[in-house]
Amino acid sequence: MVRDVKAPLRPRAPRKPRAGRMIPDDDRFAQTFAALGEATRRRIMQLLPREPICEEMYNVVELARELGLRQPTVSHHLKILAEAGLIRGRRHCTNLYYYVDQQAVVAWLRDVKCRFGCAGCGE
């Protein structure tokens, strides 16, 4: 269907701000899978240090340069990884430097093993 170019656009209702909500465990589990299902986010996870060591952490500008991507794109991927609980940030002056939340990753991997019946669930 082709829209008449001269027809006025209907006014949009203002967007409501997203309310903070609790994510159920199953949703969080799936959210982590989804976060890791994208190649750029897996590359970010490989680049970031496993501990918050200042000299090894990256800020968004450094990551963008390393990945050859624009800063807003990298910020978007970092947000998804952080919401999934896989990475954390430490503020230094005006920058936020990122690292992998190793404890969260290990806990998620343990959950994967338990949910899919792999040996070693009690580890």
PDB file of N, CA and C in Angstrom:
ATOM      1  N   MET A   1       0.843  -1.182   0.000  1.00  0.00           N
ATOM      2  CA  MET A   1       0.000   0.000   0.000  1.00  0.00           C
ATOM      3  C   MET A   1       0.883   1.238   0.000  1.00  0.00           C
ATOM      4  N   VAL A   2       0.594   2.158  -0.888  1.00  0.00           N
ATOM      5  CA  VAL A   2       1.360   3.389  -0.996  1.00  0.00           C
ATOM      6  C   VAL A   2       0.616   4.483  -0.251  1.00  0.00           C
ATOM      7  N   ARG A   3       1.341   5.195   0.591  1.00  0.00           N
ATOM      8  CA  ARG A   3       0.746   6.268   1.380  1.00  0.00           C
ATOM      9  C   ARG A   3       0.741   7.548   0.553  1.00  0.00           C
ATOM     10  N   ASP A   4      -0.358   8.278   0.637  1.00  0.00           N
ATOM     11  CA  ASP A   4      -0.453   9.559  -0.051  1.00  0.00           C
ATOM     12  C   ASP A   4       0.528  10.526   0.595  1.00  0.00           C
ATOM     13  N   VAL A   5       1.449  11.052  -0.187  1.00  0.00           N
ATOM     14  CA  VAL A   5       2.504  11.909   0.338  1.00  0.00           C
ATOM     15  C   VAL A   5       1.941  13.201   0.917  1.00  0.00           C
ATOM     16  N   LYS A   6       0.818  13.657   0.409  1.00  0.00           N
ATOM     17  CA  LYS A   6       0.248  14.921   0.873  1.00  0.00           C
ATOM     18  C   LYS A   6      -0.590  14.753   2.133  1.00  0.00           C
ATOM     19  N   ALA A   7      -0.935  13.519   2.471  1.00  0.00           N
ATOM     20  CA  ALA A   7      -1.753  13.293   3.665  1.00  0.00           C
ATOM     21  C   ALA A   7      -0.932  13.626   4.909  1.00  0.00           C
ATOM     22  N   PRO A   8      -1.539  14.325   5.866  1.00  0.00           N
ATOM     23  CA  PRO A   8      -0.787  14.682   7.082  1.00  0.00           C
ATOM     24  C   PRO A   8      -0.501  13.434   7.922  1.00  0.00           C
ATOM     25  N   LEU A   9       0.640  13.464   8.569  1.00  0.00           N
ATOM     26  CA  LEU A   9       1.007  12.368   9.462  1.00  0.00           C
ATOM     27  C   LEU A   9       0.209  12.475  10.747  1.00  0.00           C
ATOM     28  N   ARG A  10      -0.175  11.328  11.269  1.00  0.00           N
ATOM     29  CA  ARG A  10      -0.876  11.328  12.548  1.00  0.00           C
ATOM     30  C   ARG A  10       0.122  11.640  13.651  1.00  0.00           C
ATOM     31  N   PRO A  11      -0.272  12.482  14.600  1.00  0.00           N
ATOM     32  CA  PRO A  11       0.668  12.778  15.697  1.00  0.00           C
ATOM     33  C   PRO A  11       0.919  11.526  16.528  1.00  0.00           C
ATOM     34  N   ARG A  12       2.146  11.369  16.934  1.00  0.00           N
ATOM     35  CA  ARG A  12       2.540  10.237  17.765  1.00  0.00           C
ATOM     36  C   ARG A  12       2.281  10.539  19.224  1.00  0.00           C
ATOM     37  N   ALA A  13       1.837   9.536  19.922  1.00  0.00           N
ATOM     38  CA  ALA A  13       1.682   9.683  21.367  1.00  0.00           C
ATOM     39  C   ALA A  13       3.075   9.736  21.983  1.00  0.00           C
ATOM     40  N   PRO A  14       3.276  10.569  22.992  1.00  0.00           N
ATOM     41  CA  PRO A  14       4.602  10.619  23.615  1.00  0.00           C
ATOM     42  C   PRO A  14       4.950   9.271  24.236  1.00  0.00           C
ATOM     43  N   ARG A  15       6.217   8.925  24.136  1.00  0.00           N
ATOM     44  CA  ARG A  15       6.676   7.661  24.701  1.00  0.00           C
ATOM     45  C   ARG A  15       6.721   7.739  26.210  1.00  0.00           C
ATOM     46  N   LYS A  16       6.319   6.650  26.819  1.00  0.00           N
ATOM     47  CA  LYS A  16       6.396   6.563  28.270  1.00  0.00           C
ATOM     48  C   LYS A  16       7.771   6.026  28.640  1.00  0.00           C
ATOM     49  N   PRO A  17       8.394   6.562  29.678  1.00  0.00           N
ATOM     50  CA  PRO A  17       9.690   6.032  30.087  1.00  0.00           C
ATOM     51  C   PRO A  17       9.530   4.595  30.568  1.00  0.00           C
ATOM     52  N   ARG A  18      10.547   3.789  30.287  1.00  0.00           N
ATOM     53  CA  ARG A  18      10.517   2.405  30.736  1.00  0.00           C
ATOM     54  C   ARG A  18      10.641   2.340  32.253  1.00  0.00           C
ATOM     55  N   ALA A  19       9.761   1.596  32.828  1.00  0.00           N
ATOM     56  CA  ALA A  19       9.827   1.418  34.280  1.00  0.00           C
ATOM     57  C   ALA A  19      10.826   0.308  34.571  1.00  0.00           C
ATOM     58  N   GLY A  20      11.607   0.477  35.618  1.00  0.00           N
ATOM     59  CA  GLY A  20      12.522  -0.579  36.021  1.00  0.00           C
ATOM     60  C   GLY A  20      11.717  -1.797  36.423  1.00  0.00           C
ATOM     61  N   ARG A  21      12.141  -2.960  35.967  1.00  0.00           N
ATOM     62  CA  ARG A  21      11.394  -4.158  36.295  1.00  0.00           C
ATOM     63  C   ARG A  21      12.368  -5.259  36.675  1.00  0.00           C
ATOM     64  N   MET A  22      11.855  -6.143  37.491  1.00  0.00           N
ATOM     65  CA  MET A  22      12.647  -7.296  37.885  1.00  0.00           C
ATOM     66  C   MET A  22      12.586  -8.315  36.748  1.00  0.00           C
ATOM     67  N   ILE A  23      13.718  -8.904  36.421  1.00  0.00           N
ATOM     68  CA  ILE A  23      13.761  -9.905  35.375  1.00  0.00           C
ATOM     69  C   ILE A  23      13.759 -11.272  36.039  1.00  0.00           C
ATOM     70  N   PRO A  24      12.755 -12.114  35.714  1.00  0.00           N
ATOM     71  CA  PRO A  24      12.737 -13.463  36.301  1.00  0.00           C
ATOM     72  C   PRO A  24      13.986 -14.239  35.906  1.00  0.00           C
ATOM     73  N   ASP A  25      14.346 -15.241  36.706  1.00  0.00           N
ATOM     74  CA  ASP A  25      15.559 -16.015  36.457  1.00  0.00           C
ATOM     75  C   ASP A  25      15.608 -16.606  35.055  1.00  0.00           C
ATOM     76  N   ASP A  26      14.491 -17.165  34.576  1.00  0.00           N
ATOM     77  CA  ASP A  26      14.484 -17.752  33.232  1.00  0.00           C
ATOM     78  C   ASP A  26      14.722 -16.695  32.167  1.00  0.00           C
ATOM     79  N   ASP A  27      14.161 -15.502  32.357  1.00  0.00           N
ATOM     80  CA  ASP A  27      14.392 -14.422  31.405  1.00  0.00           C
ATOM     81  C   ASP A  27      15.848 -13.981  31.437  1.00  0.00           C
ATOM     82  N   ARG A  28      16.427 -13.918  32.611  1.00  0.00           N
ATOM     83  CA  ARG A  28      17.832 -13.526  32.749  1.00  0.00           C
ATOM     84  C   ARG A  28      18.731 -14.566  32.067  1.00  0.00           C
ATOM     85  N   PHE A  29      18.387 -15.837  32.241  1.00  0.00           N
ATOM     86  CA  PHE A  29      19.141 -16.928  31.619  1.00  0.00           C
ATOM     87  C   PHE A  29      19.103 -16.778  30.093  1.00  0.00           C
ATOM     88  N   ALA A  30      17.913 -16.556  29.545  1.00  0.00           N
ATOM     89  CA  ALA A  30      17.749 -16.385  28.104  1.00  0.00           C
ATOM     90  C   ALA A  30      18.419 -15.094  27.629  1.00  0.00           C
ATOM     91  N   GLN A  31      18.350 -14.061  28.445  1.00  0.00           N
ATOM     92  CA  GLN A  31      18.961 -12.776  28.095  1.00  0.00           C
ATOM     93  C   GLN A  31      20.476 -12.941  27.931  1.00  0.00           C
ATOM     94  N   THR A  32      21.072 -13.765  28.767  1.00  0.00           N
ATOM     95  CA  THR A  32      22.510 -13.999  28.678  1.00  0.00           C
ATOM     96  C   THR A  32      22.848 -14.737  27.394  1.00  0.00           C
ATOM     97  N   PHE A  33      22.059 -15.755  27.052  1.00  0.00           N
ATOM     98  CA  PHE A  33      22.268 -16.452  25.784  1.00  0.00           C
ATOM     99  C   PHE A  33      22.167 -15.479  24.616  1.00  0.00           C
ATOM    100  N   ALA A  34      21.152 -14.637  24.640  1.00  0.00           N
ATOM    101  CA  ALA A  34      20.954 -13.672  23.558  1.00  0.00           C
ATOM    102  C   ALA A  34      22.123 -12.694  23.471  1.00  0.00           C
ATOM    103  N   ALA A  35      22.605 -12.254  24.620  1.00  0.00           N
ATOM    104  CA  ALA A  35      23.735 -11.308  24.635  1.00  0.00           C
ATOM    105  C   ALA A  35      24.976 -11.931  23.999  1.00  0.00           C
ATOM    106  N   LEU A  36      25.186 -13.204  24.244  1.00  0.00           N
ATOM    107  CA  LEU A  36      26.370 -13.877  23.709  1.00  0.00           C
ATOM    108  C   LEU A  36      26.156 -14.414  22.294  1.00  0.00           C
ATOM    109  N   GLY A  37      24.942 -14.271  21.775  1.00  0.00           N
ATOM    110  CA  GLY A  37      24.632 -14.782  20.450  1.00  0.00           C
ATOM    111  C   GLY A  37      25.074 -13.869  19.327  1.00  0.00           C
ATOM    112  N   GLU A  38      25.660 -12.759  19.633  1.00  0.00           N
ATOM    113  CA  GLU A  38      26.080 -11.792  18.624  1.00  0.00           C
ATOM    114  C   GLU A  38      27.603 -11.728  18.589  1.00  0.00           C
ATOM    115  N   ALA A  39      28.173 -11.789  17.404  1.00  0.00           N
ATOM    116  CA  ALA A  39      29.632 -11.892  17.233  1.00  0.00           C
ATOM    117  C   ALA A  39      30.396 -10.722  17.849  1.00  0.00           C
ATOM    118  N   THR A  40      29.901  -9.508  17.696  1.00  0.00           N
ATOM    119  CA  THR A  40      30.614  -8.346  18.254  1.00  0.00           C
ATOM    120  C   THR A  40      30.677  -8.434  19.770  1.00  0.00           C
ATOM    121  N   ARG A  41      29.593  -8.870  20.400  1.00  0.00           N
ATOM    122  CA  ARG A  41      29.595  -8.980  21.859  1.00  0.00           C
ATOM    123  C   ARG A  41      30.541 -10.088  22.321  1.00  0.00           C
ATOM    124  N   ARG A  42      30.643 -11.161  21.565  1.00  0.00           N
ATOM    125  CA  ARG A  42      31.618 -12.200  21.923  1.00  0.00           C
ATOM    126  C   ARG A  42      33.043 -11.663  21.781  1.00  0.00           C
ATOM    127  N   ARG A  43      33.291 -10.850  20.764  1.00  0.00           N
ATOM    128  CA  ARG A  43      34.619 -10.232  20.608  1.00  0.00           C
ATOM    129  C   ARG A  43      34.931  -9.316  21.784  1.00  0.00           C
ATOM    130  N   ILE A  44      33.938  -8.556  22.214  1.00  0.00           N
ATOM    131  CA  ILE A  44      34.133  -7.670  23.367  1.00  0.00           C
ATOM    132  C   ILE A  44      34.479  -8.497  24.598  1.00  0.00           C
ATOM    133  N   MET A  45      33.753  -9.590  24.813  1.00  0.00           N
ATOM    134  CA  MET A  45      34.018 -10.454  25.968  1.00  0.00           C
ATOM    135  C   MET A  45      35.445 -11.003  25.922  1.00  0.00           C
ATOM    136  N   GLN A  46      35.949 -11.292  24.726  1.00  0.00           N
ATOM    137  CA  GLN A  46      37.313 -11.809  24.598  1.00  0.00           C
ATOM    138  C   GLN A  46      38.361 -10.731  24.852  1.00  0.00           C
ATOM    139  N   LEU A  47      38.043  -9.502  24.510  1.00  0.00           N
ATOM    140  CA  LEU A  47      38.990  -8.396  24.707  1.00  0.00           C
ATOM    141  C   LEU A  47      39.088  -7.936  26.160  1.00  0.00           C
ATOM    142  N   LEU A  48      37.968  -7.960  26.850  1.00  0.00           N
ATOM    143  CA  LEU A  48      37.951  -7.409  28.209  1.00  0.00           C
ATOM    144  C   LEU A  48      38.688  -8.318  29.188  1.00  0.00           C
ATOM    145  N   PRO A  49      39.372  -7.716  30.156  1.00  0.00           N
ATOM    146  CA  PRO A  49      40.075  -8.523  31.162  1.00  0.00           C
ATOM    147  C   PRO A  49      39.093  -9.224  32.095  1.00  0.00           C
ATOM    148  N   ARG A  50      39.579 -10.273  32.729  1.00  0.00           N
ATOM    149  CA  ARG A  50      38.741 -11.069  33.632  1.00  0.00           C
ATOM    150  C   ARG A  50      38.710 -10.493  35.044  1.00  0.00           C
ATOM    151  N   GLU A  51      39.542  -9.520  35.289  1.00  0.00           N
ATOM    152  CA  GLU A  51      39.604  -8.853  36.591  1.00  0.00           C
ATOM    153  C   GLU A  51      39.736  -7.356  36.366  1.00  0.00           C
ATOM    154  N   PRO A  52      39.299  -6.559  37.326  1.00  0.00           N
ATOM    155  CA  PRO A  52      39.377  -5.102  37.150  1.00  0.00           C
ATOM    156  C   PRO A  52      40.788  -4.557  37.362  1.00  0.00           C
ATOM    157  N   ILE A  53      41.672  -4.871  36.435  1.00  0.00           N
ATOM    158  CA  ILE A  53      43.050  -4.373  36.481  1.00  0.00           C
ATOM    159  C   ILE A  53      43.112  -3.135  35.584  1.00  0.00           C
ATOM    160  N   CYS A  54      43.415  -2.003  36.174  1.00  0.00           N
ATOM    161  CA  CYS A  54      43.335  -0.711  35.474  1.00  0.00           C
ATOM    162  C   CYS A  54      44.003  -0.712  34.101  1.00  0.00           C
ATOM    163  N   GLU A  55      45.219  -1.216  34.017  1.00  0.00           N
ATOM    164  CA  GLU A  55      45.972  -1.149  32.769  1.00  0.00           C
ATOM    165  C   GLU A  55      45.377  -2.026  31.669  1.00  0.00           C
ATOM    166  N   GLU A  56      44.535  -2.989  32.040  1.00  0.00           N
ATOM    167  CA  GLU A  56      43.991  -3.928  31.062  1.00  0.00           C
ATOM    168  C   GLU A  56      42.556  -3.617  30.660  1.00  0.00           C
ATOM    169  N   MET A  57      41.858  -2.776  31.421  1.00  0.00           N
ATOM    170  CA  MET A  57      40.461  -2.479  31.123  1.00  0.00           C
ATOM    171  C   MET A  57      40.364  -1.504  29.950  1.00  0.00           C
ATOM    172  N   TYR A  58      39.213  -1.527  29.287  1.00  0.00           N
ATOM    173  CA  TYR A  58      38.943  -0.654  28.155  1.00  0.00           C
ATOM    174  C   TYR A  58      37.790   0.273  28.487  1.00  0.00           C
ATOM    175  N   ASN A  59      37.843   1.492  27.934  1.00  0.00           N
ATOM    176  CA  ASN A  59      36.650   2.331  27.947  1.00  0.00           C
ATOM    177  C   ASN A  59      36.006   2.201  26.569  1.00  0.00           C
ATOM    178  N   VAL A  60      34.862   2.811  26.369  1.00  0.00           N
ATOM    179  CA  VAL A  60      34.115   2.615  25.134  1.00  0.00           C
ATOM    180  C   VAL A  60      34.880   3.131  23.911  1.00  0.00           C
ATOM    181  N   VAL A  61      35.605   4.218  24.047  1.00  0.00           N
ATOM    182  CA  VAL A  61      36.362   4.780  22.927  1.00  0.00           C
ATOM    183  C   VAL A  61      37.486   3.825  22.526  1.00  0.00           C
ATOM    184  N   GLU A  62      38.188   3.279  23.504  1.00  0.00           N
ATOM    185  CA  GLU A  62      39.271   2.333  23.219  1.00  0.00           C
ATOM    186  C   GLU A  62      38.735   1.060  22.574  1.00  0.00           C
ATOM    187  N   LEU A  63      37.605   0.576  23.072  1.00  0.00           N
ATOM    188  CA  LEU A  63      36.997  -0.615  22.474  1.00  0.00           C
ATOM    189  C   LEU A  63      36.571  -0.343  21.033  1.00  0.00           C
ATOM    190  N   ALA A  64      35.974   0.811  20.790  1.00  0.00           N
ATOM    191  CA  ALA A  64      35.540   1.163  19.436  1.00  0.00           C
ATOM    192  C   ALA A  64      36.730   1.172  18.483  1.00  0.00           C
ATOM    193  N   ARG A  65      37.828   1.746  18.931  1.00  0.00           N
ATOM    194  CA  ARG A  65      39.042   1.788  18.108  1.00  0.00           C
ATOM    195  C   ARG A  65      39.550   0.372  17.839  1.00  0.00           C
ATOM    196  N   GLU A  66      39.600  -0.446  18.876  1.00  0.00           N
ATOM    197  CA  GLU A  66      40.099  -1.823  18.764  1.00  0.00           C
ATOM    198  C   GLU A  66      39.223  -2.670  17.838  1.00  0.00           C
ATOM    199  N   LEU A  67      37.908  -2.460  17.899  1.00  0.00           N
ATOM    200  CA  LEU A  67      36.969  -3.254  17.107  1.00  0.00           C
ATOM    201  C   LEU A  67      36.714  -2.675  15.715  1.00  0.00           C
ATOM    202  N   GLY A  68      37.139  -1.437  15.508  1.00  0.00           N
ATOM    203  CA  GLY A  68      36.885  -0.788  14.223  1.00  0.00           C
ATOM    204  C   GLY A  68      35.416  -0.425  14.037  1.00  0.00           C
ATOM    205  N   LEU A  69      34.753  -0.093  15.140  1.00  0.00           N
ATOM    206  CA  LEU A  69      33.338   0.258  15.112  1.00  0.00           C
ATOM    207  C   LEU A  69      33.138   1.664  15.662  1.00  0.00           C
ATOM    208  N   ARG A  70      31.963   2.214  15.426  1.00  0.00           N
ATOM    209  CA  ARG A  70      31.645   3.530  15.968  1.00  0.00           C
ATOM    210  C   ARG A  70      31.315   3.410  17.451  1.00  0.00           C
ATOM    211  N   GLN A  71      31.579   4.474  18.188  1.00  0.00           N
ATOM    212  CA  GLN A  71      31.365   4.486  19.631  1.00  0.00           C
ATOM    213  C   GLN A  71      29.917   4.189  20.025  1.00  0.00           C
ATOM    214  N   PRO A  72      28.903   4.756  19.356  1.00  0.00           N
ATOM    215  CA  PRO A  72      27.527   4.427  19.751  1.00  0.00           C
ATOM    216  C   PRO A  72      27.192   2.937  19.594  1.00  0.00           C
ATOM    217  N   THR A  73      27.757   2.305  18.569  1.00  0.00           N
ATOM    218  CA  THR A  73      27.537   0.871  18.354  1.00  0.00           C
ATOM    219  C   THR A  73      28.125   0.067  19.501  1.00  0.00           C
ATOM    220  N   VAL A  74      29.338   0.409  19.893  1.00  0.00           N
ATOM    221  CA  VAL A  74      29.993  -0.297  20.991  1.00  0.00           C
ATOM    222  C   VAL A  74      29.241  -0.048  22.300  1.00  0.00           C
ATOM    223  N   SER A  75      28.789   1.166  22.516  1.00  0.00           N
ATOM    224  CA  SER A  75      28.007   1.475  23.714  1.00  0.00           C
ATOM    225  C   SER A  75      26.755   0.616  23.791  1.00  0.00           C
ATOM    226  N   HIS A  76      26.108   0.432  22.661  1.00  0.00           N
ATOM    227  CA  HIS A  76      24.909  -0.412  22.601  1.00  0.00           C
ATOM    228  C   HIS A  76      25.243  -1.851  23.016  1.00  0.00           C
ATOM    229  N   HIS A  77      26.322  -2.394  22.487  1.00  0.00           N
ATOM    230  CA  HIS A  77      26.716  -3.764  22.821  1.00  0.00           C
ATOM    231  C   HIS A  77      27.122  -3.882  24.293  1.00  0.00           C
ATOM    232  N   LEU A  78      27.818  -2.884  24.803  1.00  0.00           N
ATOM    233  CA  LEU A  78      28.202  -2.899  26.218  1.00  0.00           C
ATOM    234  C   LEU A  78      26.973  -2.872  27.120  1.00  0.00           C
ATOM    235  N   LYS A  79      25.980  -2.101  26.739  1.00  0.00           N
ATOM    236  CA  LYS A  79      24.745  -2.027  27.524  1.00  0.00           C
ATOM    237  C   LYS A  79      24.077  -3.398  27.593  1.00  0.00           C
ATOM    238  N   ILE A  80      24.017  -4.095  26.487  1.00  0.00           N
ATOM    239  CA  ILE A  80      23.385  -5.418  26.449  1.00  0.00           C
ATOM    240  C   ILE A  80      24.165  -6.404  27.315  1.00  0.00           C
ATOM    241  N   LEU A  81      25.486  -6.377  27.225  1.00  0.00           N
ATOM    242  CA  LEU A  81      26.310  -7.274  28.047  1.00  0.00           C
ATOM    243  C   LEU A  81      26.153  -6.945  29.532  1.00  0.00           C
ATOM    244  N   ALA A  82      26.089  -5.666  29.859  1.00  0.00           N
ATOM    245  CA  ALA A  82      25.930  -5.259  31.264  1.00  0.00           C
ATOM    246  C   ALA A  82      24.551  -5.653  31.794  1.00  0.00           C
ATOM    247  N   GLU A  83      23.514  -5.475  30.986  1.00  0.00           N
ATOM    248  CA  GLU A  83      22.166  -5.857  31.408  1.00  0.00           C
ATOM    249  C   GLU A  83      22.052  -7.365  31.621  1.00  0.00           C
ATOM    250  N   ALA A  84      22.835  -8.127  30.873  1.00  0.00           N
ATOM    251  CA  ALA A  84      22.851  -9.585  31.039  1.00  0.00           C
ATOM    252  C   ALA A  84      23.699  -9.989  32.245  1.00  0.00           C
ATOM    253  N   GLY A  85      24.399  -9.031  32.832  1.00  0.00           N
ATOM    254  CA  GLY A  85      25.198  -9.303  34.019  1.00  0.00           C
ATOM    255  C   GLY A  85      26.565  -9.898  33.719  1.00  0.00           C
ATOM    256  N   LEU A  86      27.026  -9.785  32.472  1.00  0.00           N
ATOM    257  CA  LEU A  86      28.293 -10.407  32.082  1.00  0.00           C
ATOM    258  C   LEU A  86      29.505  -9.498  32.275  1.00  0.00           C
ATOM    259  N   ILE A  87      29.286  -8.204  32.239  1.00  0.00           N
ATOM    260  CA  ILE A  87      30.396  -7.266  32.405  1.00  0.00           C
ATOM    261  C   ILE A  87      30.033  -6.241  33.463  1.00  0.00           C
ATOM    262  N   ARG A  88      31.073  -5.597  33.968  1.00  0.00           N
ATOM    263  CA  ARG A  88      30.903  -4.516  34.935  1.00  0.00           C
ATOM    264  C   ARG A  88      31.799  -3.369  34.514  1.00  0.00           C
ATOM    265  N   GLY A  89      31.534  -2.225  35.089  1.00  0.00           N
ATOM    266  CA  GLY A  89      32.335  -1.058  34.790  1.00  0.00           C
ATOM    267  C   GLY A  89      32.823  -0.394  36.057  1.00  0.00           C
ATOM    268  N   ARG A  90      33.977   0.220  35.952  1.00  0.00           N
ATOM    269  CA  ARG A  90      34.528   1.031  37.048  1.00  0.00           C
ATOM    270  C   ARG A  90      34.788   2.420  36.522  1.00  0.00           C
ATOM    271  N   ARG A  91      34.312   3.388  37.263  1.00  0.00           N
ATOM    272  CA  ARG A  91      34.482   4.769  36.848  1.00  0.00           C
ATOM    273  C   ARG A  91      35.860   5.273  37.269  1.00  0.00           C
ATOM    274  N   HIS A  92      36.508   5.924  36.328  1.00  0.00           N
ATOM    275  CA  HIS A  92      37.774   6.596  36.602  1.00  0.00           C
ATOM    276  C   HIS A  92      37.673   7.961  35.934  1.00  0.00           C
ATOM    277  N   CYS A  93      37.638   8.994  36.744  1.00  0.00           N
ATOM    278  CA  CYS A  93      37.397  10.366  36.265  1.00  0.00           C
ATOM    279  C   CYS A  93      36.068  10.389  35.528  1.00  0.00           C
ATOM    280  N   THR A  94      36.094  10.743  34.247  1.00  0.00           N
ATOM    281  CA  THR A  94      34.834  10.835  33.495  1.00  0.00           C
ATOM    282  C   THR A  94      34.568   9.593  32.646  1.00  0.00           C
ATOM    283  N   ASN A  95      35.453   8.626  32.683  1.00  0.00           N
ATOM    284  CA  ASN A  95      35.294   7.428  31.856  1.00  0.00           C
ATOM    285  C   ASN A  95      34.876   6.223  32.681  1.00  0.00           C
ATOM    286  N   LEU A  96      34.202   5.310  32.014  1.00  0.00           N
ATOM    287  CA  LEU A  96      33.833   4.041  32.603  1.00  0.00           C
ATOM    288  C   LEU A  96      34.673   2.973  31.910  1.00  0.00           C
ATOM    289  N   TYR A  97      35.396   2.192  32.694  1.00  0.00           N
ATOM    290  CA  TYR A  97      36.256   1.140  32.159  1.00  0.00           C
ATOM    291  C   TYR A  97      35.630  -0.209  32.475  1.00  0.00           C
ATOM    292  N   TYR A  98      35.630  -1.101  31.494  1.00  0.00           N
ATOM    293  CA  TYR A  98      34.888  -2.344  31.583  1.00  0.00           C
ATOM    294  C   TYR A  98      35.784  -3.561  31.772  1.00  0.00           C
ATOM    295  N   TYR A  99      35.204  -4.572  32.437  1.00  0.00           N
ATOM    296  CA  TYR A  99      35.857  -5.870  32.614  1.00  0.00           C
ATOM    297  C   TYR A  99      34.778  -6.937  32.729  1.00  0.00           C
ATOM    298  N   VAL A 100      35.159  -8.191  32.510  1.00  0.00           N
ATOM    299  CA  VAL A 100      34.228  -9.316  32.597  1.00  0.00           C
ATOM    300  C   VAL A 100      33.968  -9.621  34.061  1.00  0.00           C
ATOM    301  N   ASP A 101      32.705  -9.799  34.410  1.00  0.00           N
ATOM    302  CA  ASP A 101      32.338 -10.211  35.766  1.00  0.00           C
ATOM    303  C   ASP A 101      32.502 -11.732  35.822  1.00  0.00           C
ATOM    304  N   GLN A 102      33.692 -12.145  36.180  1.00  0.00           N
ATOM    305  CA  GLN A 102      34.058 -13.561  36.143  1.00  0.00           C
ATOM    306  C   GLN A 102      33.131 -14.420  37.013  1.00  0.00           C
ATOM    307  N   GLN A 103      32.756 -13.937  38.167  1.00  0.00           N
ATOM    308  CA  GLN A 103      31.868 -14.706  39.046  1.00  0.00           C
ATOM    309  C   GLN A 103      30.502 -14.917  38.394  1.00  0.00           C
ATOM    310  N   ALA A 104      29.987 -13.908  37.728  1.00  0.00           N
ATOM    311  CA  ALA A 104      28.692 -14.026  37.056  1.00  0.00           C
ATOM    312  C   ALA A 104      28.771 -15.011  35.893  1.00  0.00           C
ATOM    313  N   VAL A 105      29.867 -14.975  35.155  1.00  0.00           N
ATOM    314  CA  VAL A 105      30.042 -15.897  34.024  1.00  0.00           C
ATOM    315  C   VAL A 105      30.123 -17.336  34.526  1.00  0.00           C
ATOM    316  N   VAL A 106      30.891 -17.570  35.577  1.00  0.00           N
ATOM    317  CA  VAL A 106      31.022 -18.921  36.138  1.00  0.00           C
ATOM    318  C   VAL A 106      29.672 -19.413  36.657  1.00  0.00           C
ATOM    319  N   ALA A 107      28.918 -18.557  37.327  1.00  0.00           N
ATOM    320  CA  ALA A 107      27.599 -18.934  37.846  1.00  0.00           C
ATOM    321  C   ALA A 107      26.654 -19.268  36.696  1.00  0.00           C
ATOM    322  N   TRP A 108      26.707 -18.496  35.615  1.00  0.00           N
ATOM    323  CA  TRP A 108      25.845 -18.755  34.465  1.00  0.00           C
ATOM    324  C   TRP A 108      26.227 -20.076  33.802  1.00  0.00           C
ATOM    325  N   LEU A 109      27.520 -20.335  33.658  1.00  0.00           N
ATOM    326  CA  LEU A 109      27.965 -21.599  33.062  1.00  0.00           C
ATOM    327  C   LEU A 109      27.530 -22.788  33.914  1.00  0.00           C
ATOM    328  N   ARG A 110      27.590 -22.634  35.216  1.00  0.00           N
ATOM    329  CA  ARG A 110      27.126 -23.690  36.126  1.00  0.00           C
ATOM    330  C   ARG A 110      25.632 -23.926  35.926  1.00  0.00           C
ATOM    331  N   ASP A 111      24.877 -22.841  35.751  1.00  0.00           N
ATOM    332  CA  ASP A 111      23.444 -22.943  35.501  1.00  0.00           C
ATOM    333  C   ASP A 111      23.175 -23.654  34.175  1.00  0.00           C
ATOM    334  N   VAL A 112      23.969 -23.365  33.151  1.00  0.00           N
ATOM    335  CA  VAL A 112      23.833 -24.033  31.858  1.00  0.00           C
ATOM    336  C   VAL A 112      24.027 -25.536  32.040  1.00  0.00           C
ATOM    337  N   LYS A 113      25.085 -25.911  32.767  1.00  0.00           N
ATOM    338  CA  LYS A 113      25.358 -27.335  33.003  1.00  0.00           C
ATOM    339  C   LYS A 113      24.193 -28.009  33.712  1.00  0.00           C
ATOM    340  N   CYS A 114      23.626 -27.358  34.701  1.00  0.00           N
ATOM    341  CA  CYS A 114      22.514 -27.945  35.458  1.00  0.00           C
ATOM    342  C   CYS A 114      21.244 -28.056  34.624  1.00  0.00           C
ATOM    343  N   ARG A 115      20.935 -27.028  33.876  1.00  0.00           N
ATOM    344  CA  ARG A 115      19.695 -27.022  33.094  1.00  0.00           C
ATOM    345  C   ARG A 115      19.710 -28.033  31.957  1.00  0.00           C
ATOM    346  N   PHE A 116      20.896 -28.314  31.425  1.00  0.00           N
ATOM    347  CA  PHE A 116      20.973 -29.205  30.273  1.00  0.00           C
ATOM    348  C   PHE A 116      21.509 -30.578  30.636  1.00  0.00           C
ATOM    349  N   GLY A 117      21.542 -30.887  31.938  1.00  0.00           N
ATOM    350  CA  GLY A 117      21.828 -32.233  32.388  1.00  0.00           C
ATOM    351  C   GLY A 117      23.267 -32.695  32.214  1.00  0.00           C
ATOM    352  N   CYS A 118      24.188 -31.766  32.151  1.00  0.00           N
ATOM    353  CA  CYS A 118      25.583 -32.143  32.009  1.00  0.00           C
ATOM    354  C   CYS A 118      26.129 -32.628  33.352  1.00  0.00           C
ATOM    355  N   ALA A 119      27.146 -33.446  33.303  1.00  0.00           N
ATOM    356  CA  ALA A 119      27.781 -33.920  34.531  1.00  0.00           C
ATOM    357  C   ALA A 119      28.458 -32.744  35.238  1.00  0.00           C
ATOM    358  N   GLY A 120      28.571 -32.836  36.534  1.00  0.00           N
ATOM    359  CA  GLY A 120      29.274 -31.817  37.290  1.00  0.00           C
ATOM    360  C   GLY A 120      28.405 -30.664  37.725  1.00  0.00           C
ATOM    361  N   CYS A 121      27.103 -30.880  37.820  1.00  0.00           N
ATOM    362  CA  CYS A 121      26.175 -29.810  38.195  1.00  0.00           C
ATOM    363  C   CYS A 121      26.439 -29.293  39.603  1.00  0.00           C
ATOM    364  N   GLY A 122      26.887 -30.165  40.494  1.00  0.00           N
ATOM    365  CA  GLY A 122      27.090 -29.762  41.879  1.00  0.00           C
ATOM    366  C   GLY A 122      28.396 -29.044  42.130  1.00  0.00           C
ATOM    367  N   GLU A 123      29.184 -28.830  41.097  1.00  0.00           N
ATOM    368  CA  GLU A 123      30.501 -28.200  41.289  1.00  0.00           C
ATOM    369  C   GLU A 123      30.376 -26.775  41.716  1.00  0.00           C
TER     370      GLU A 123
END
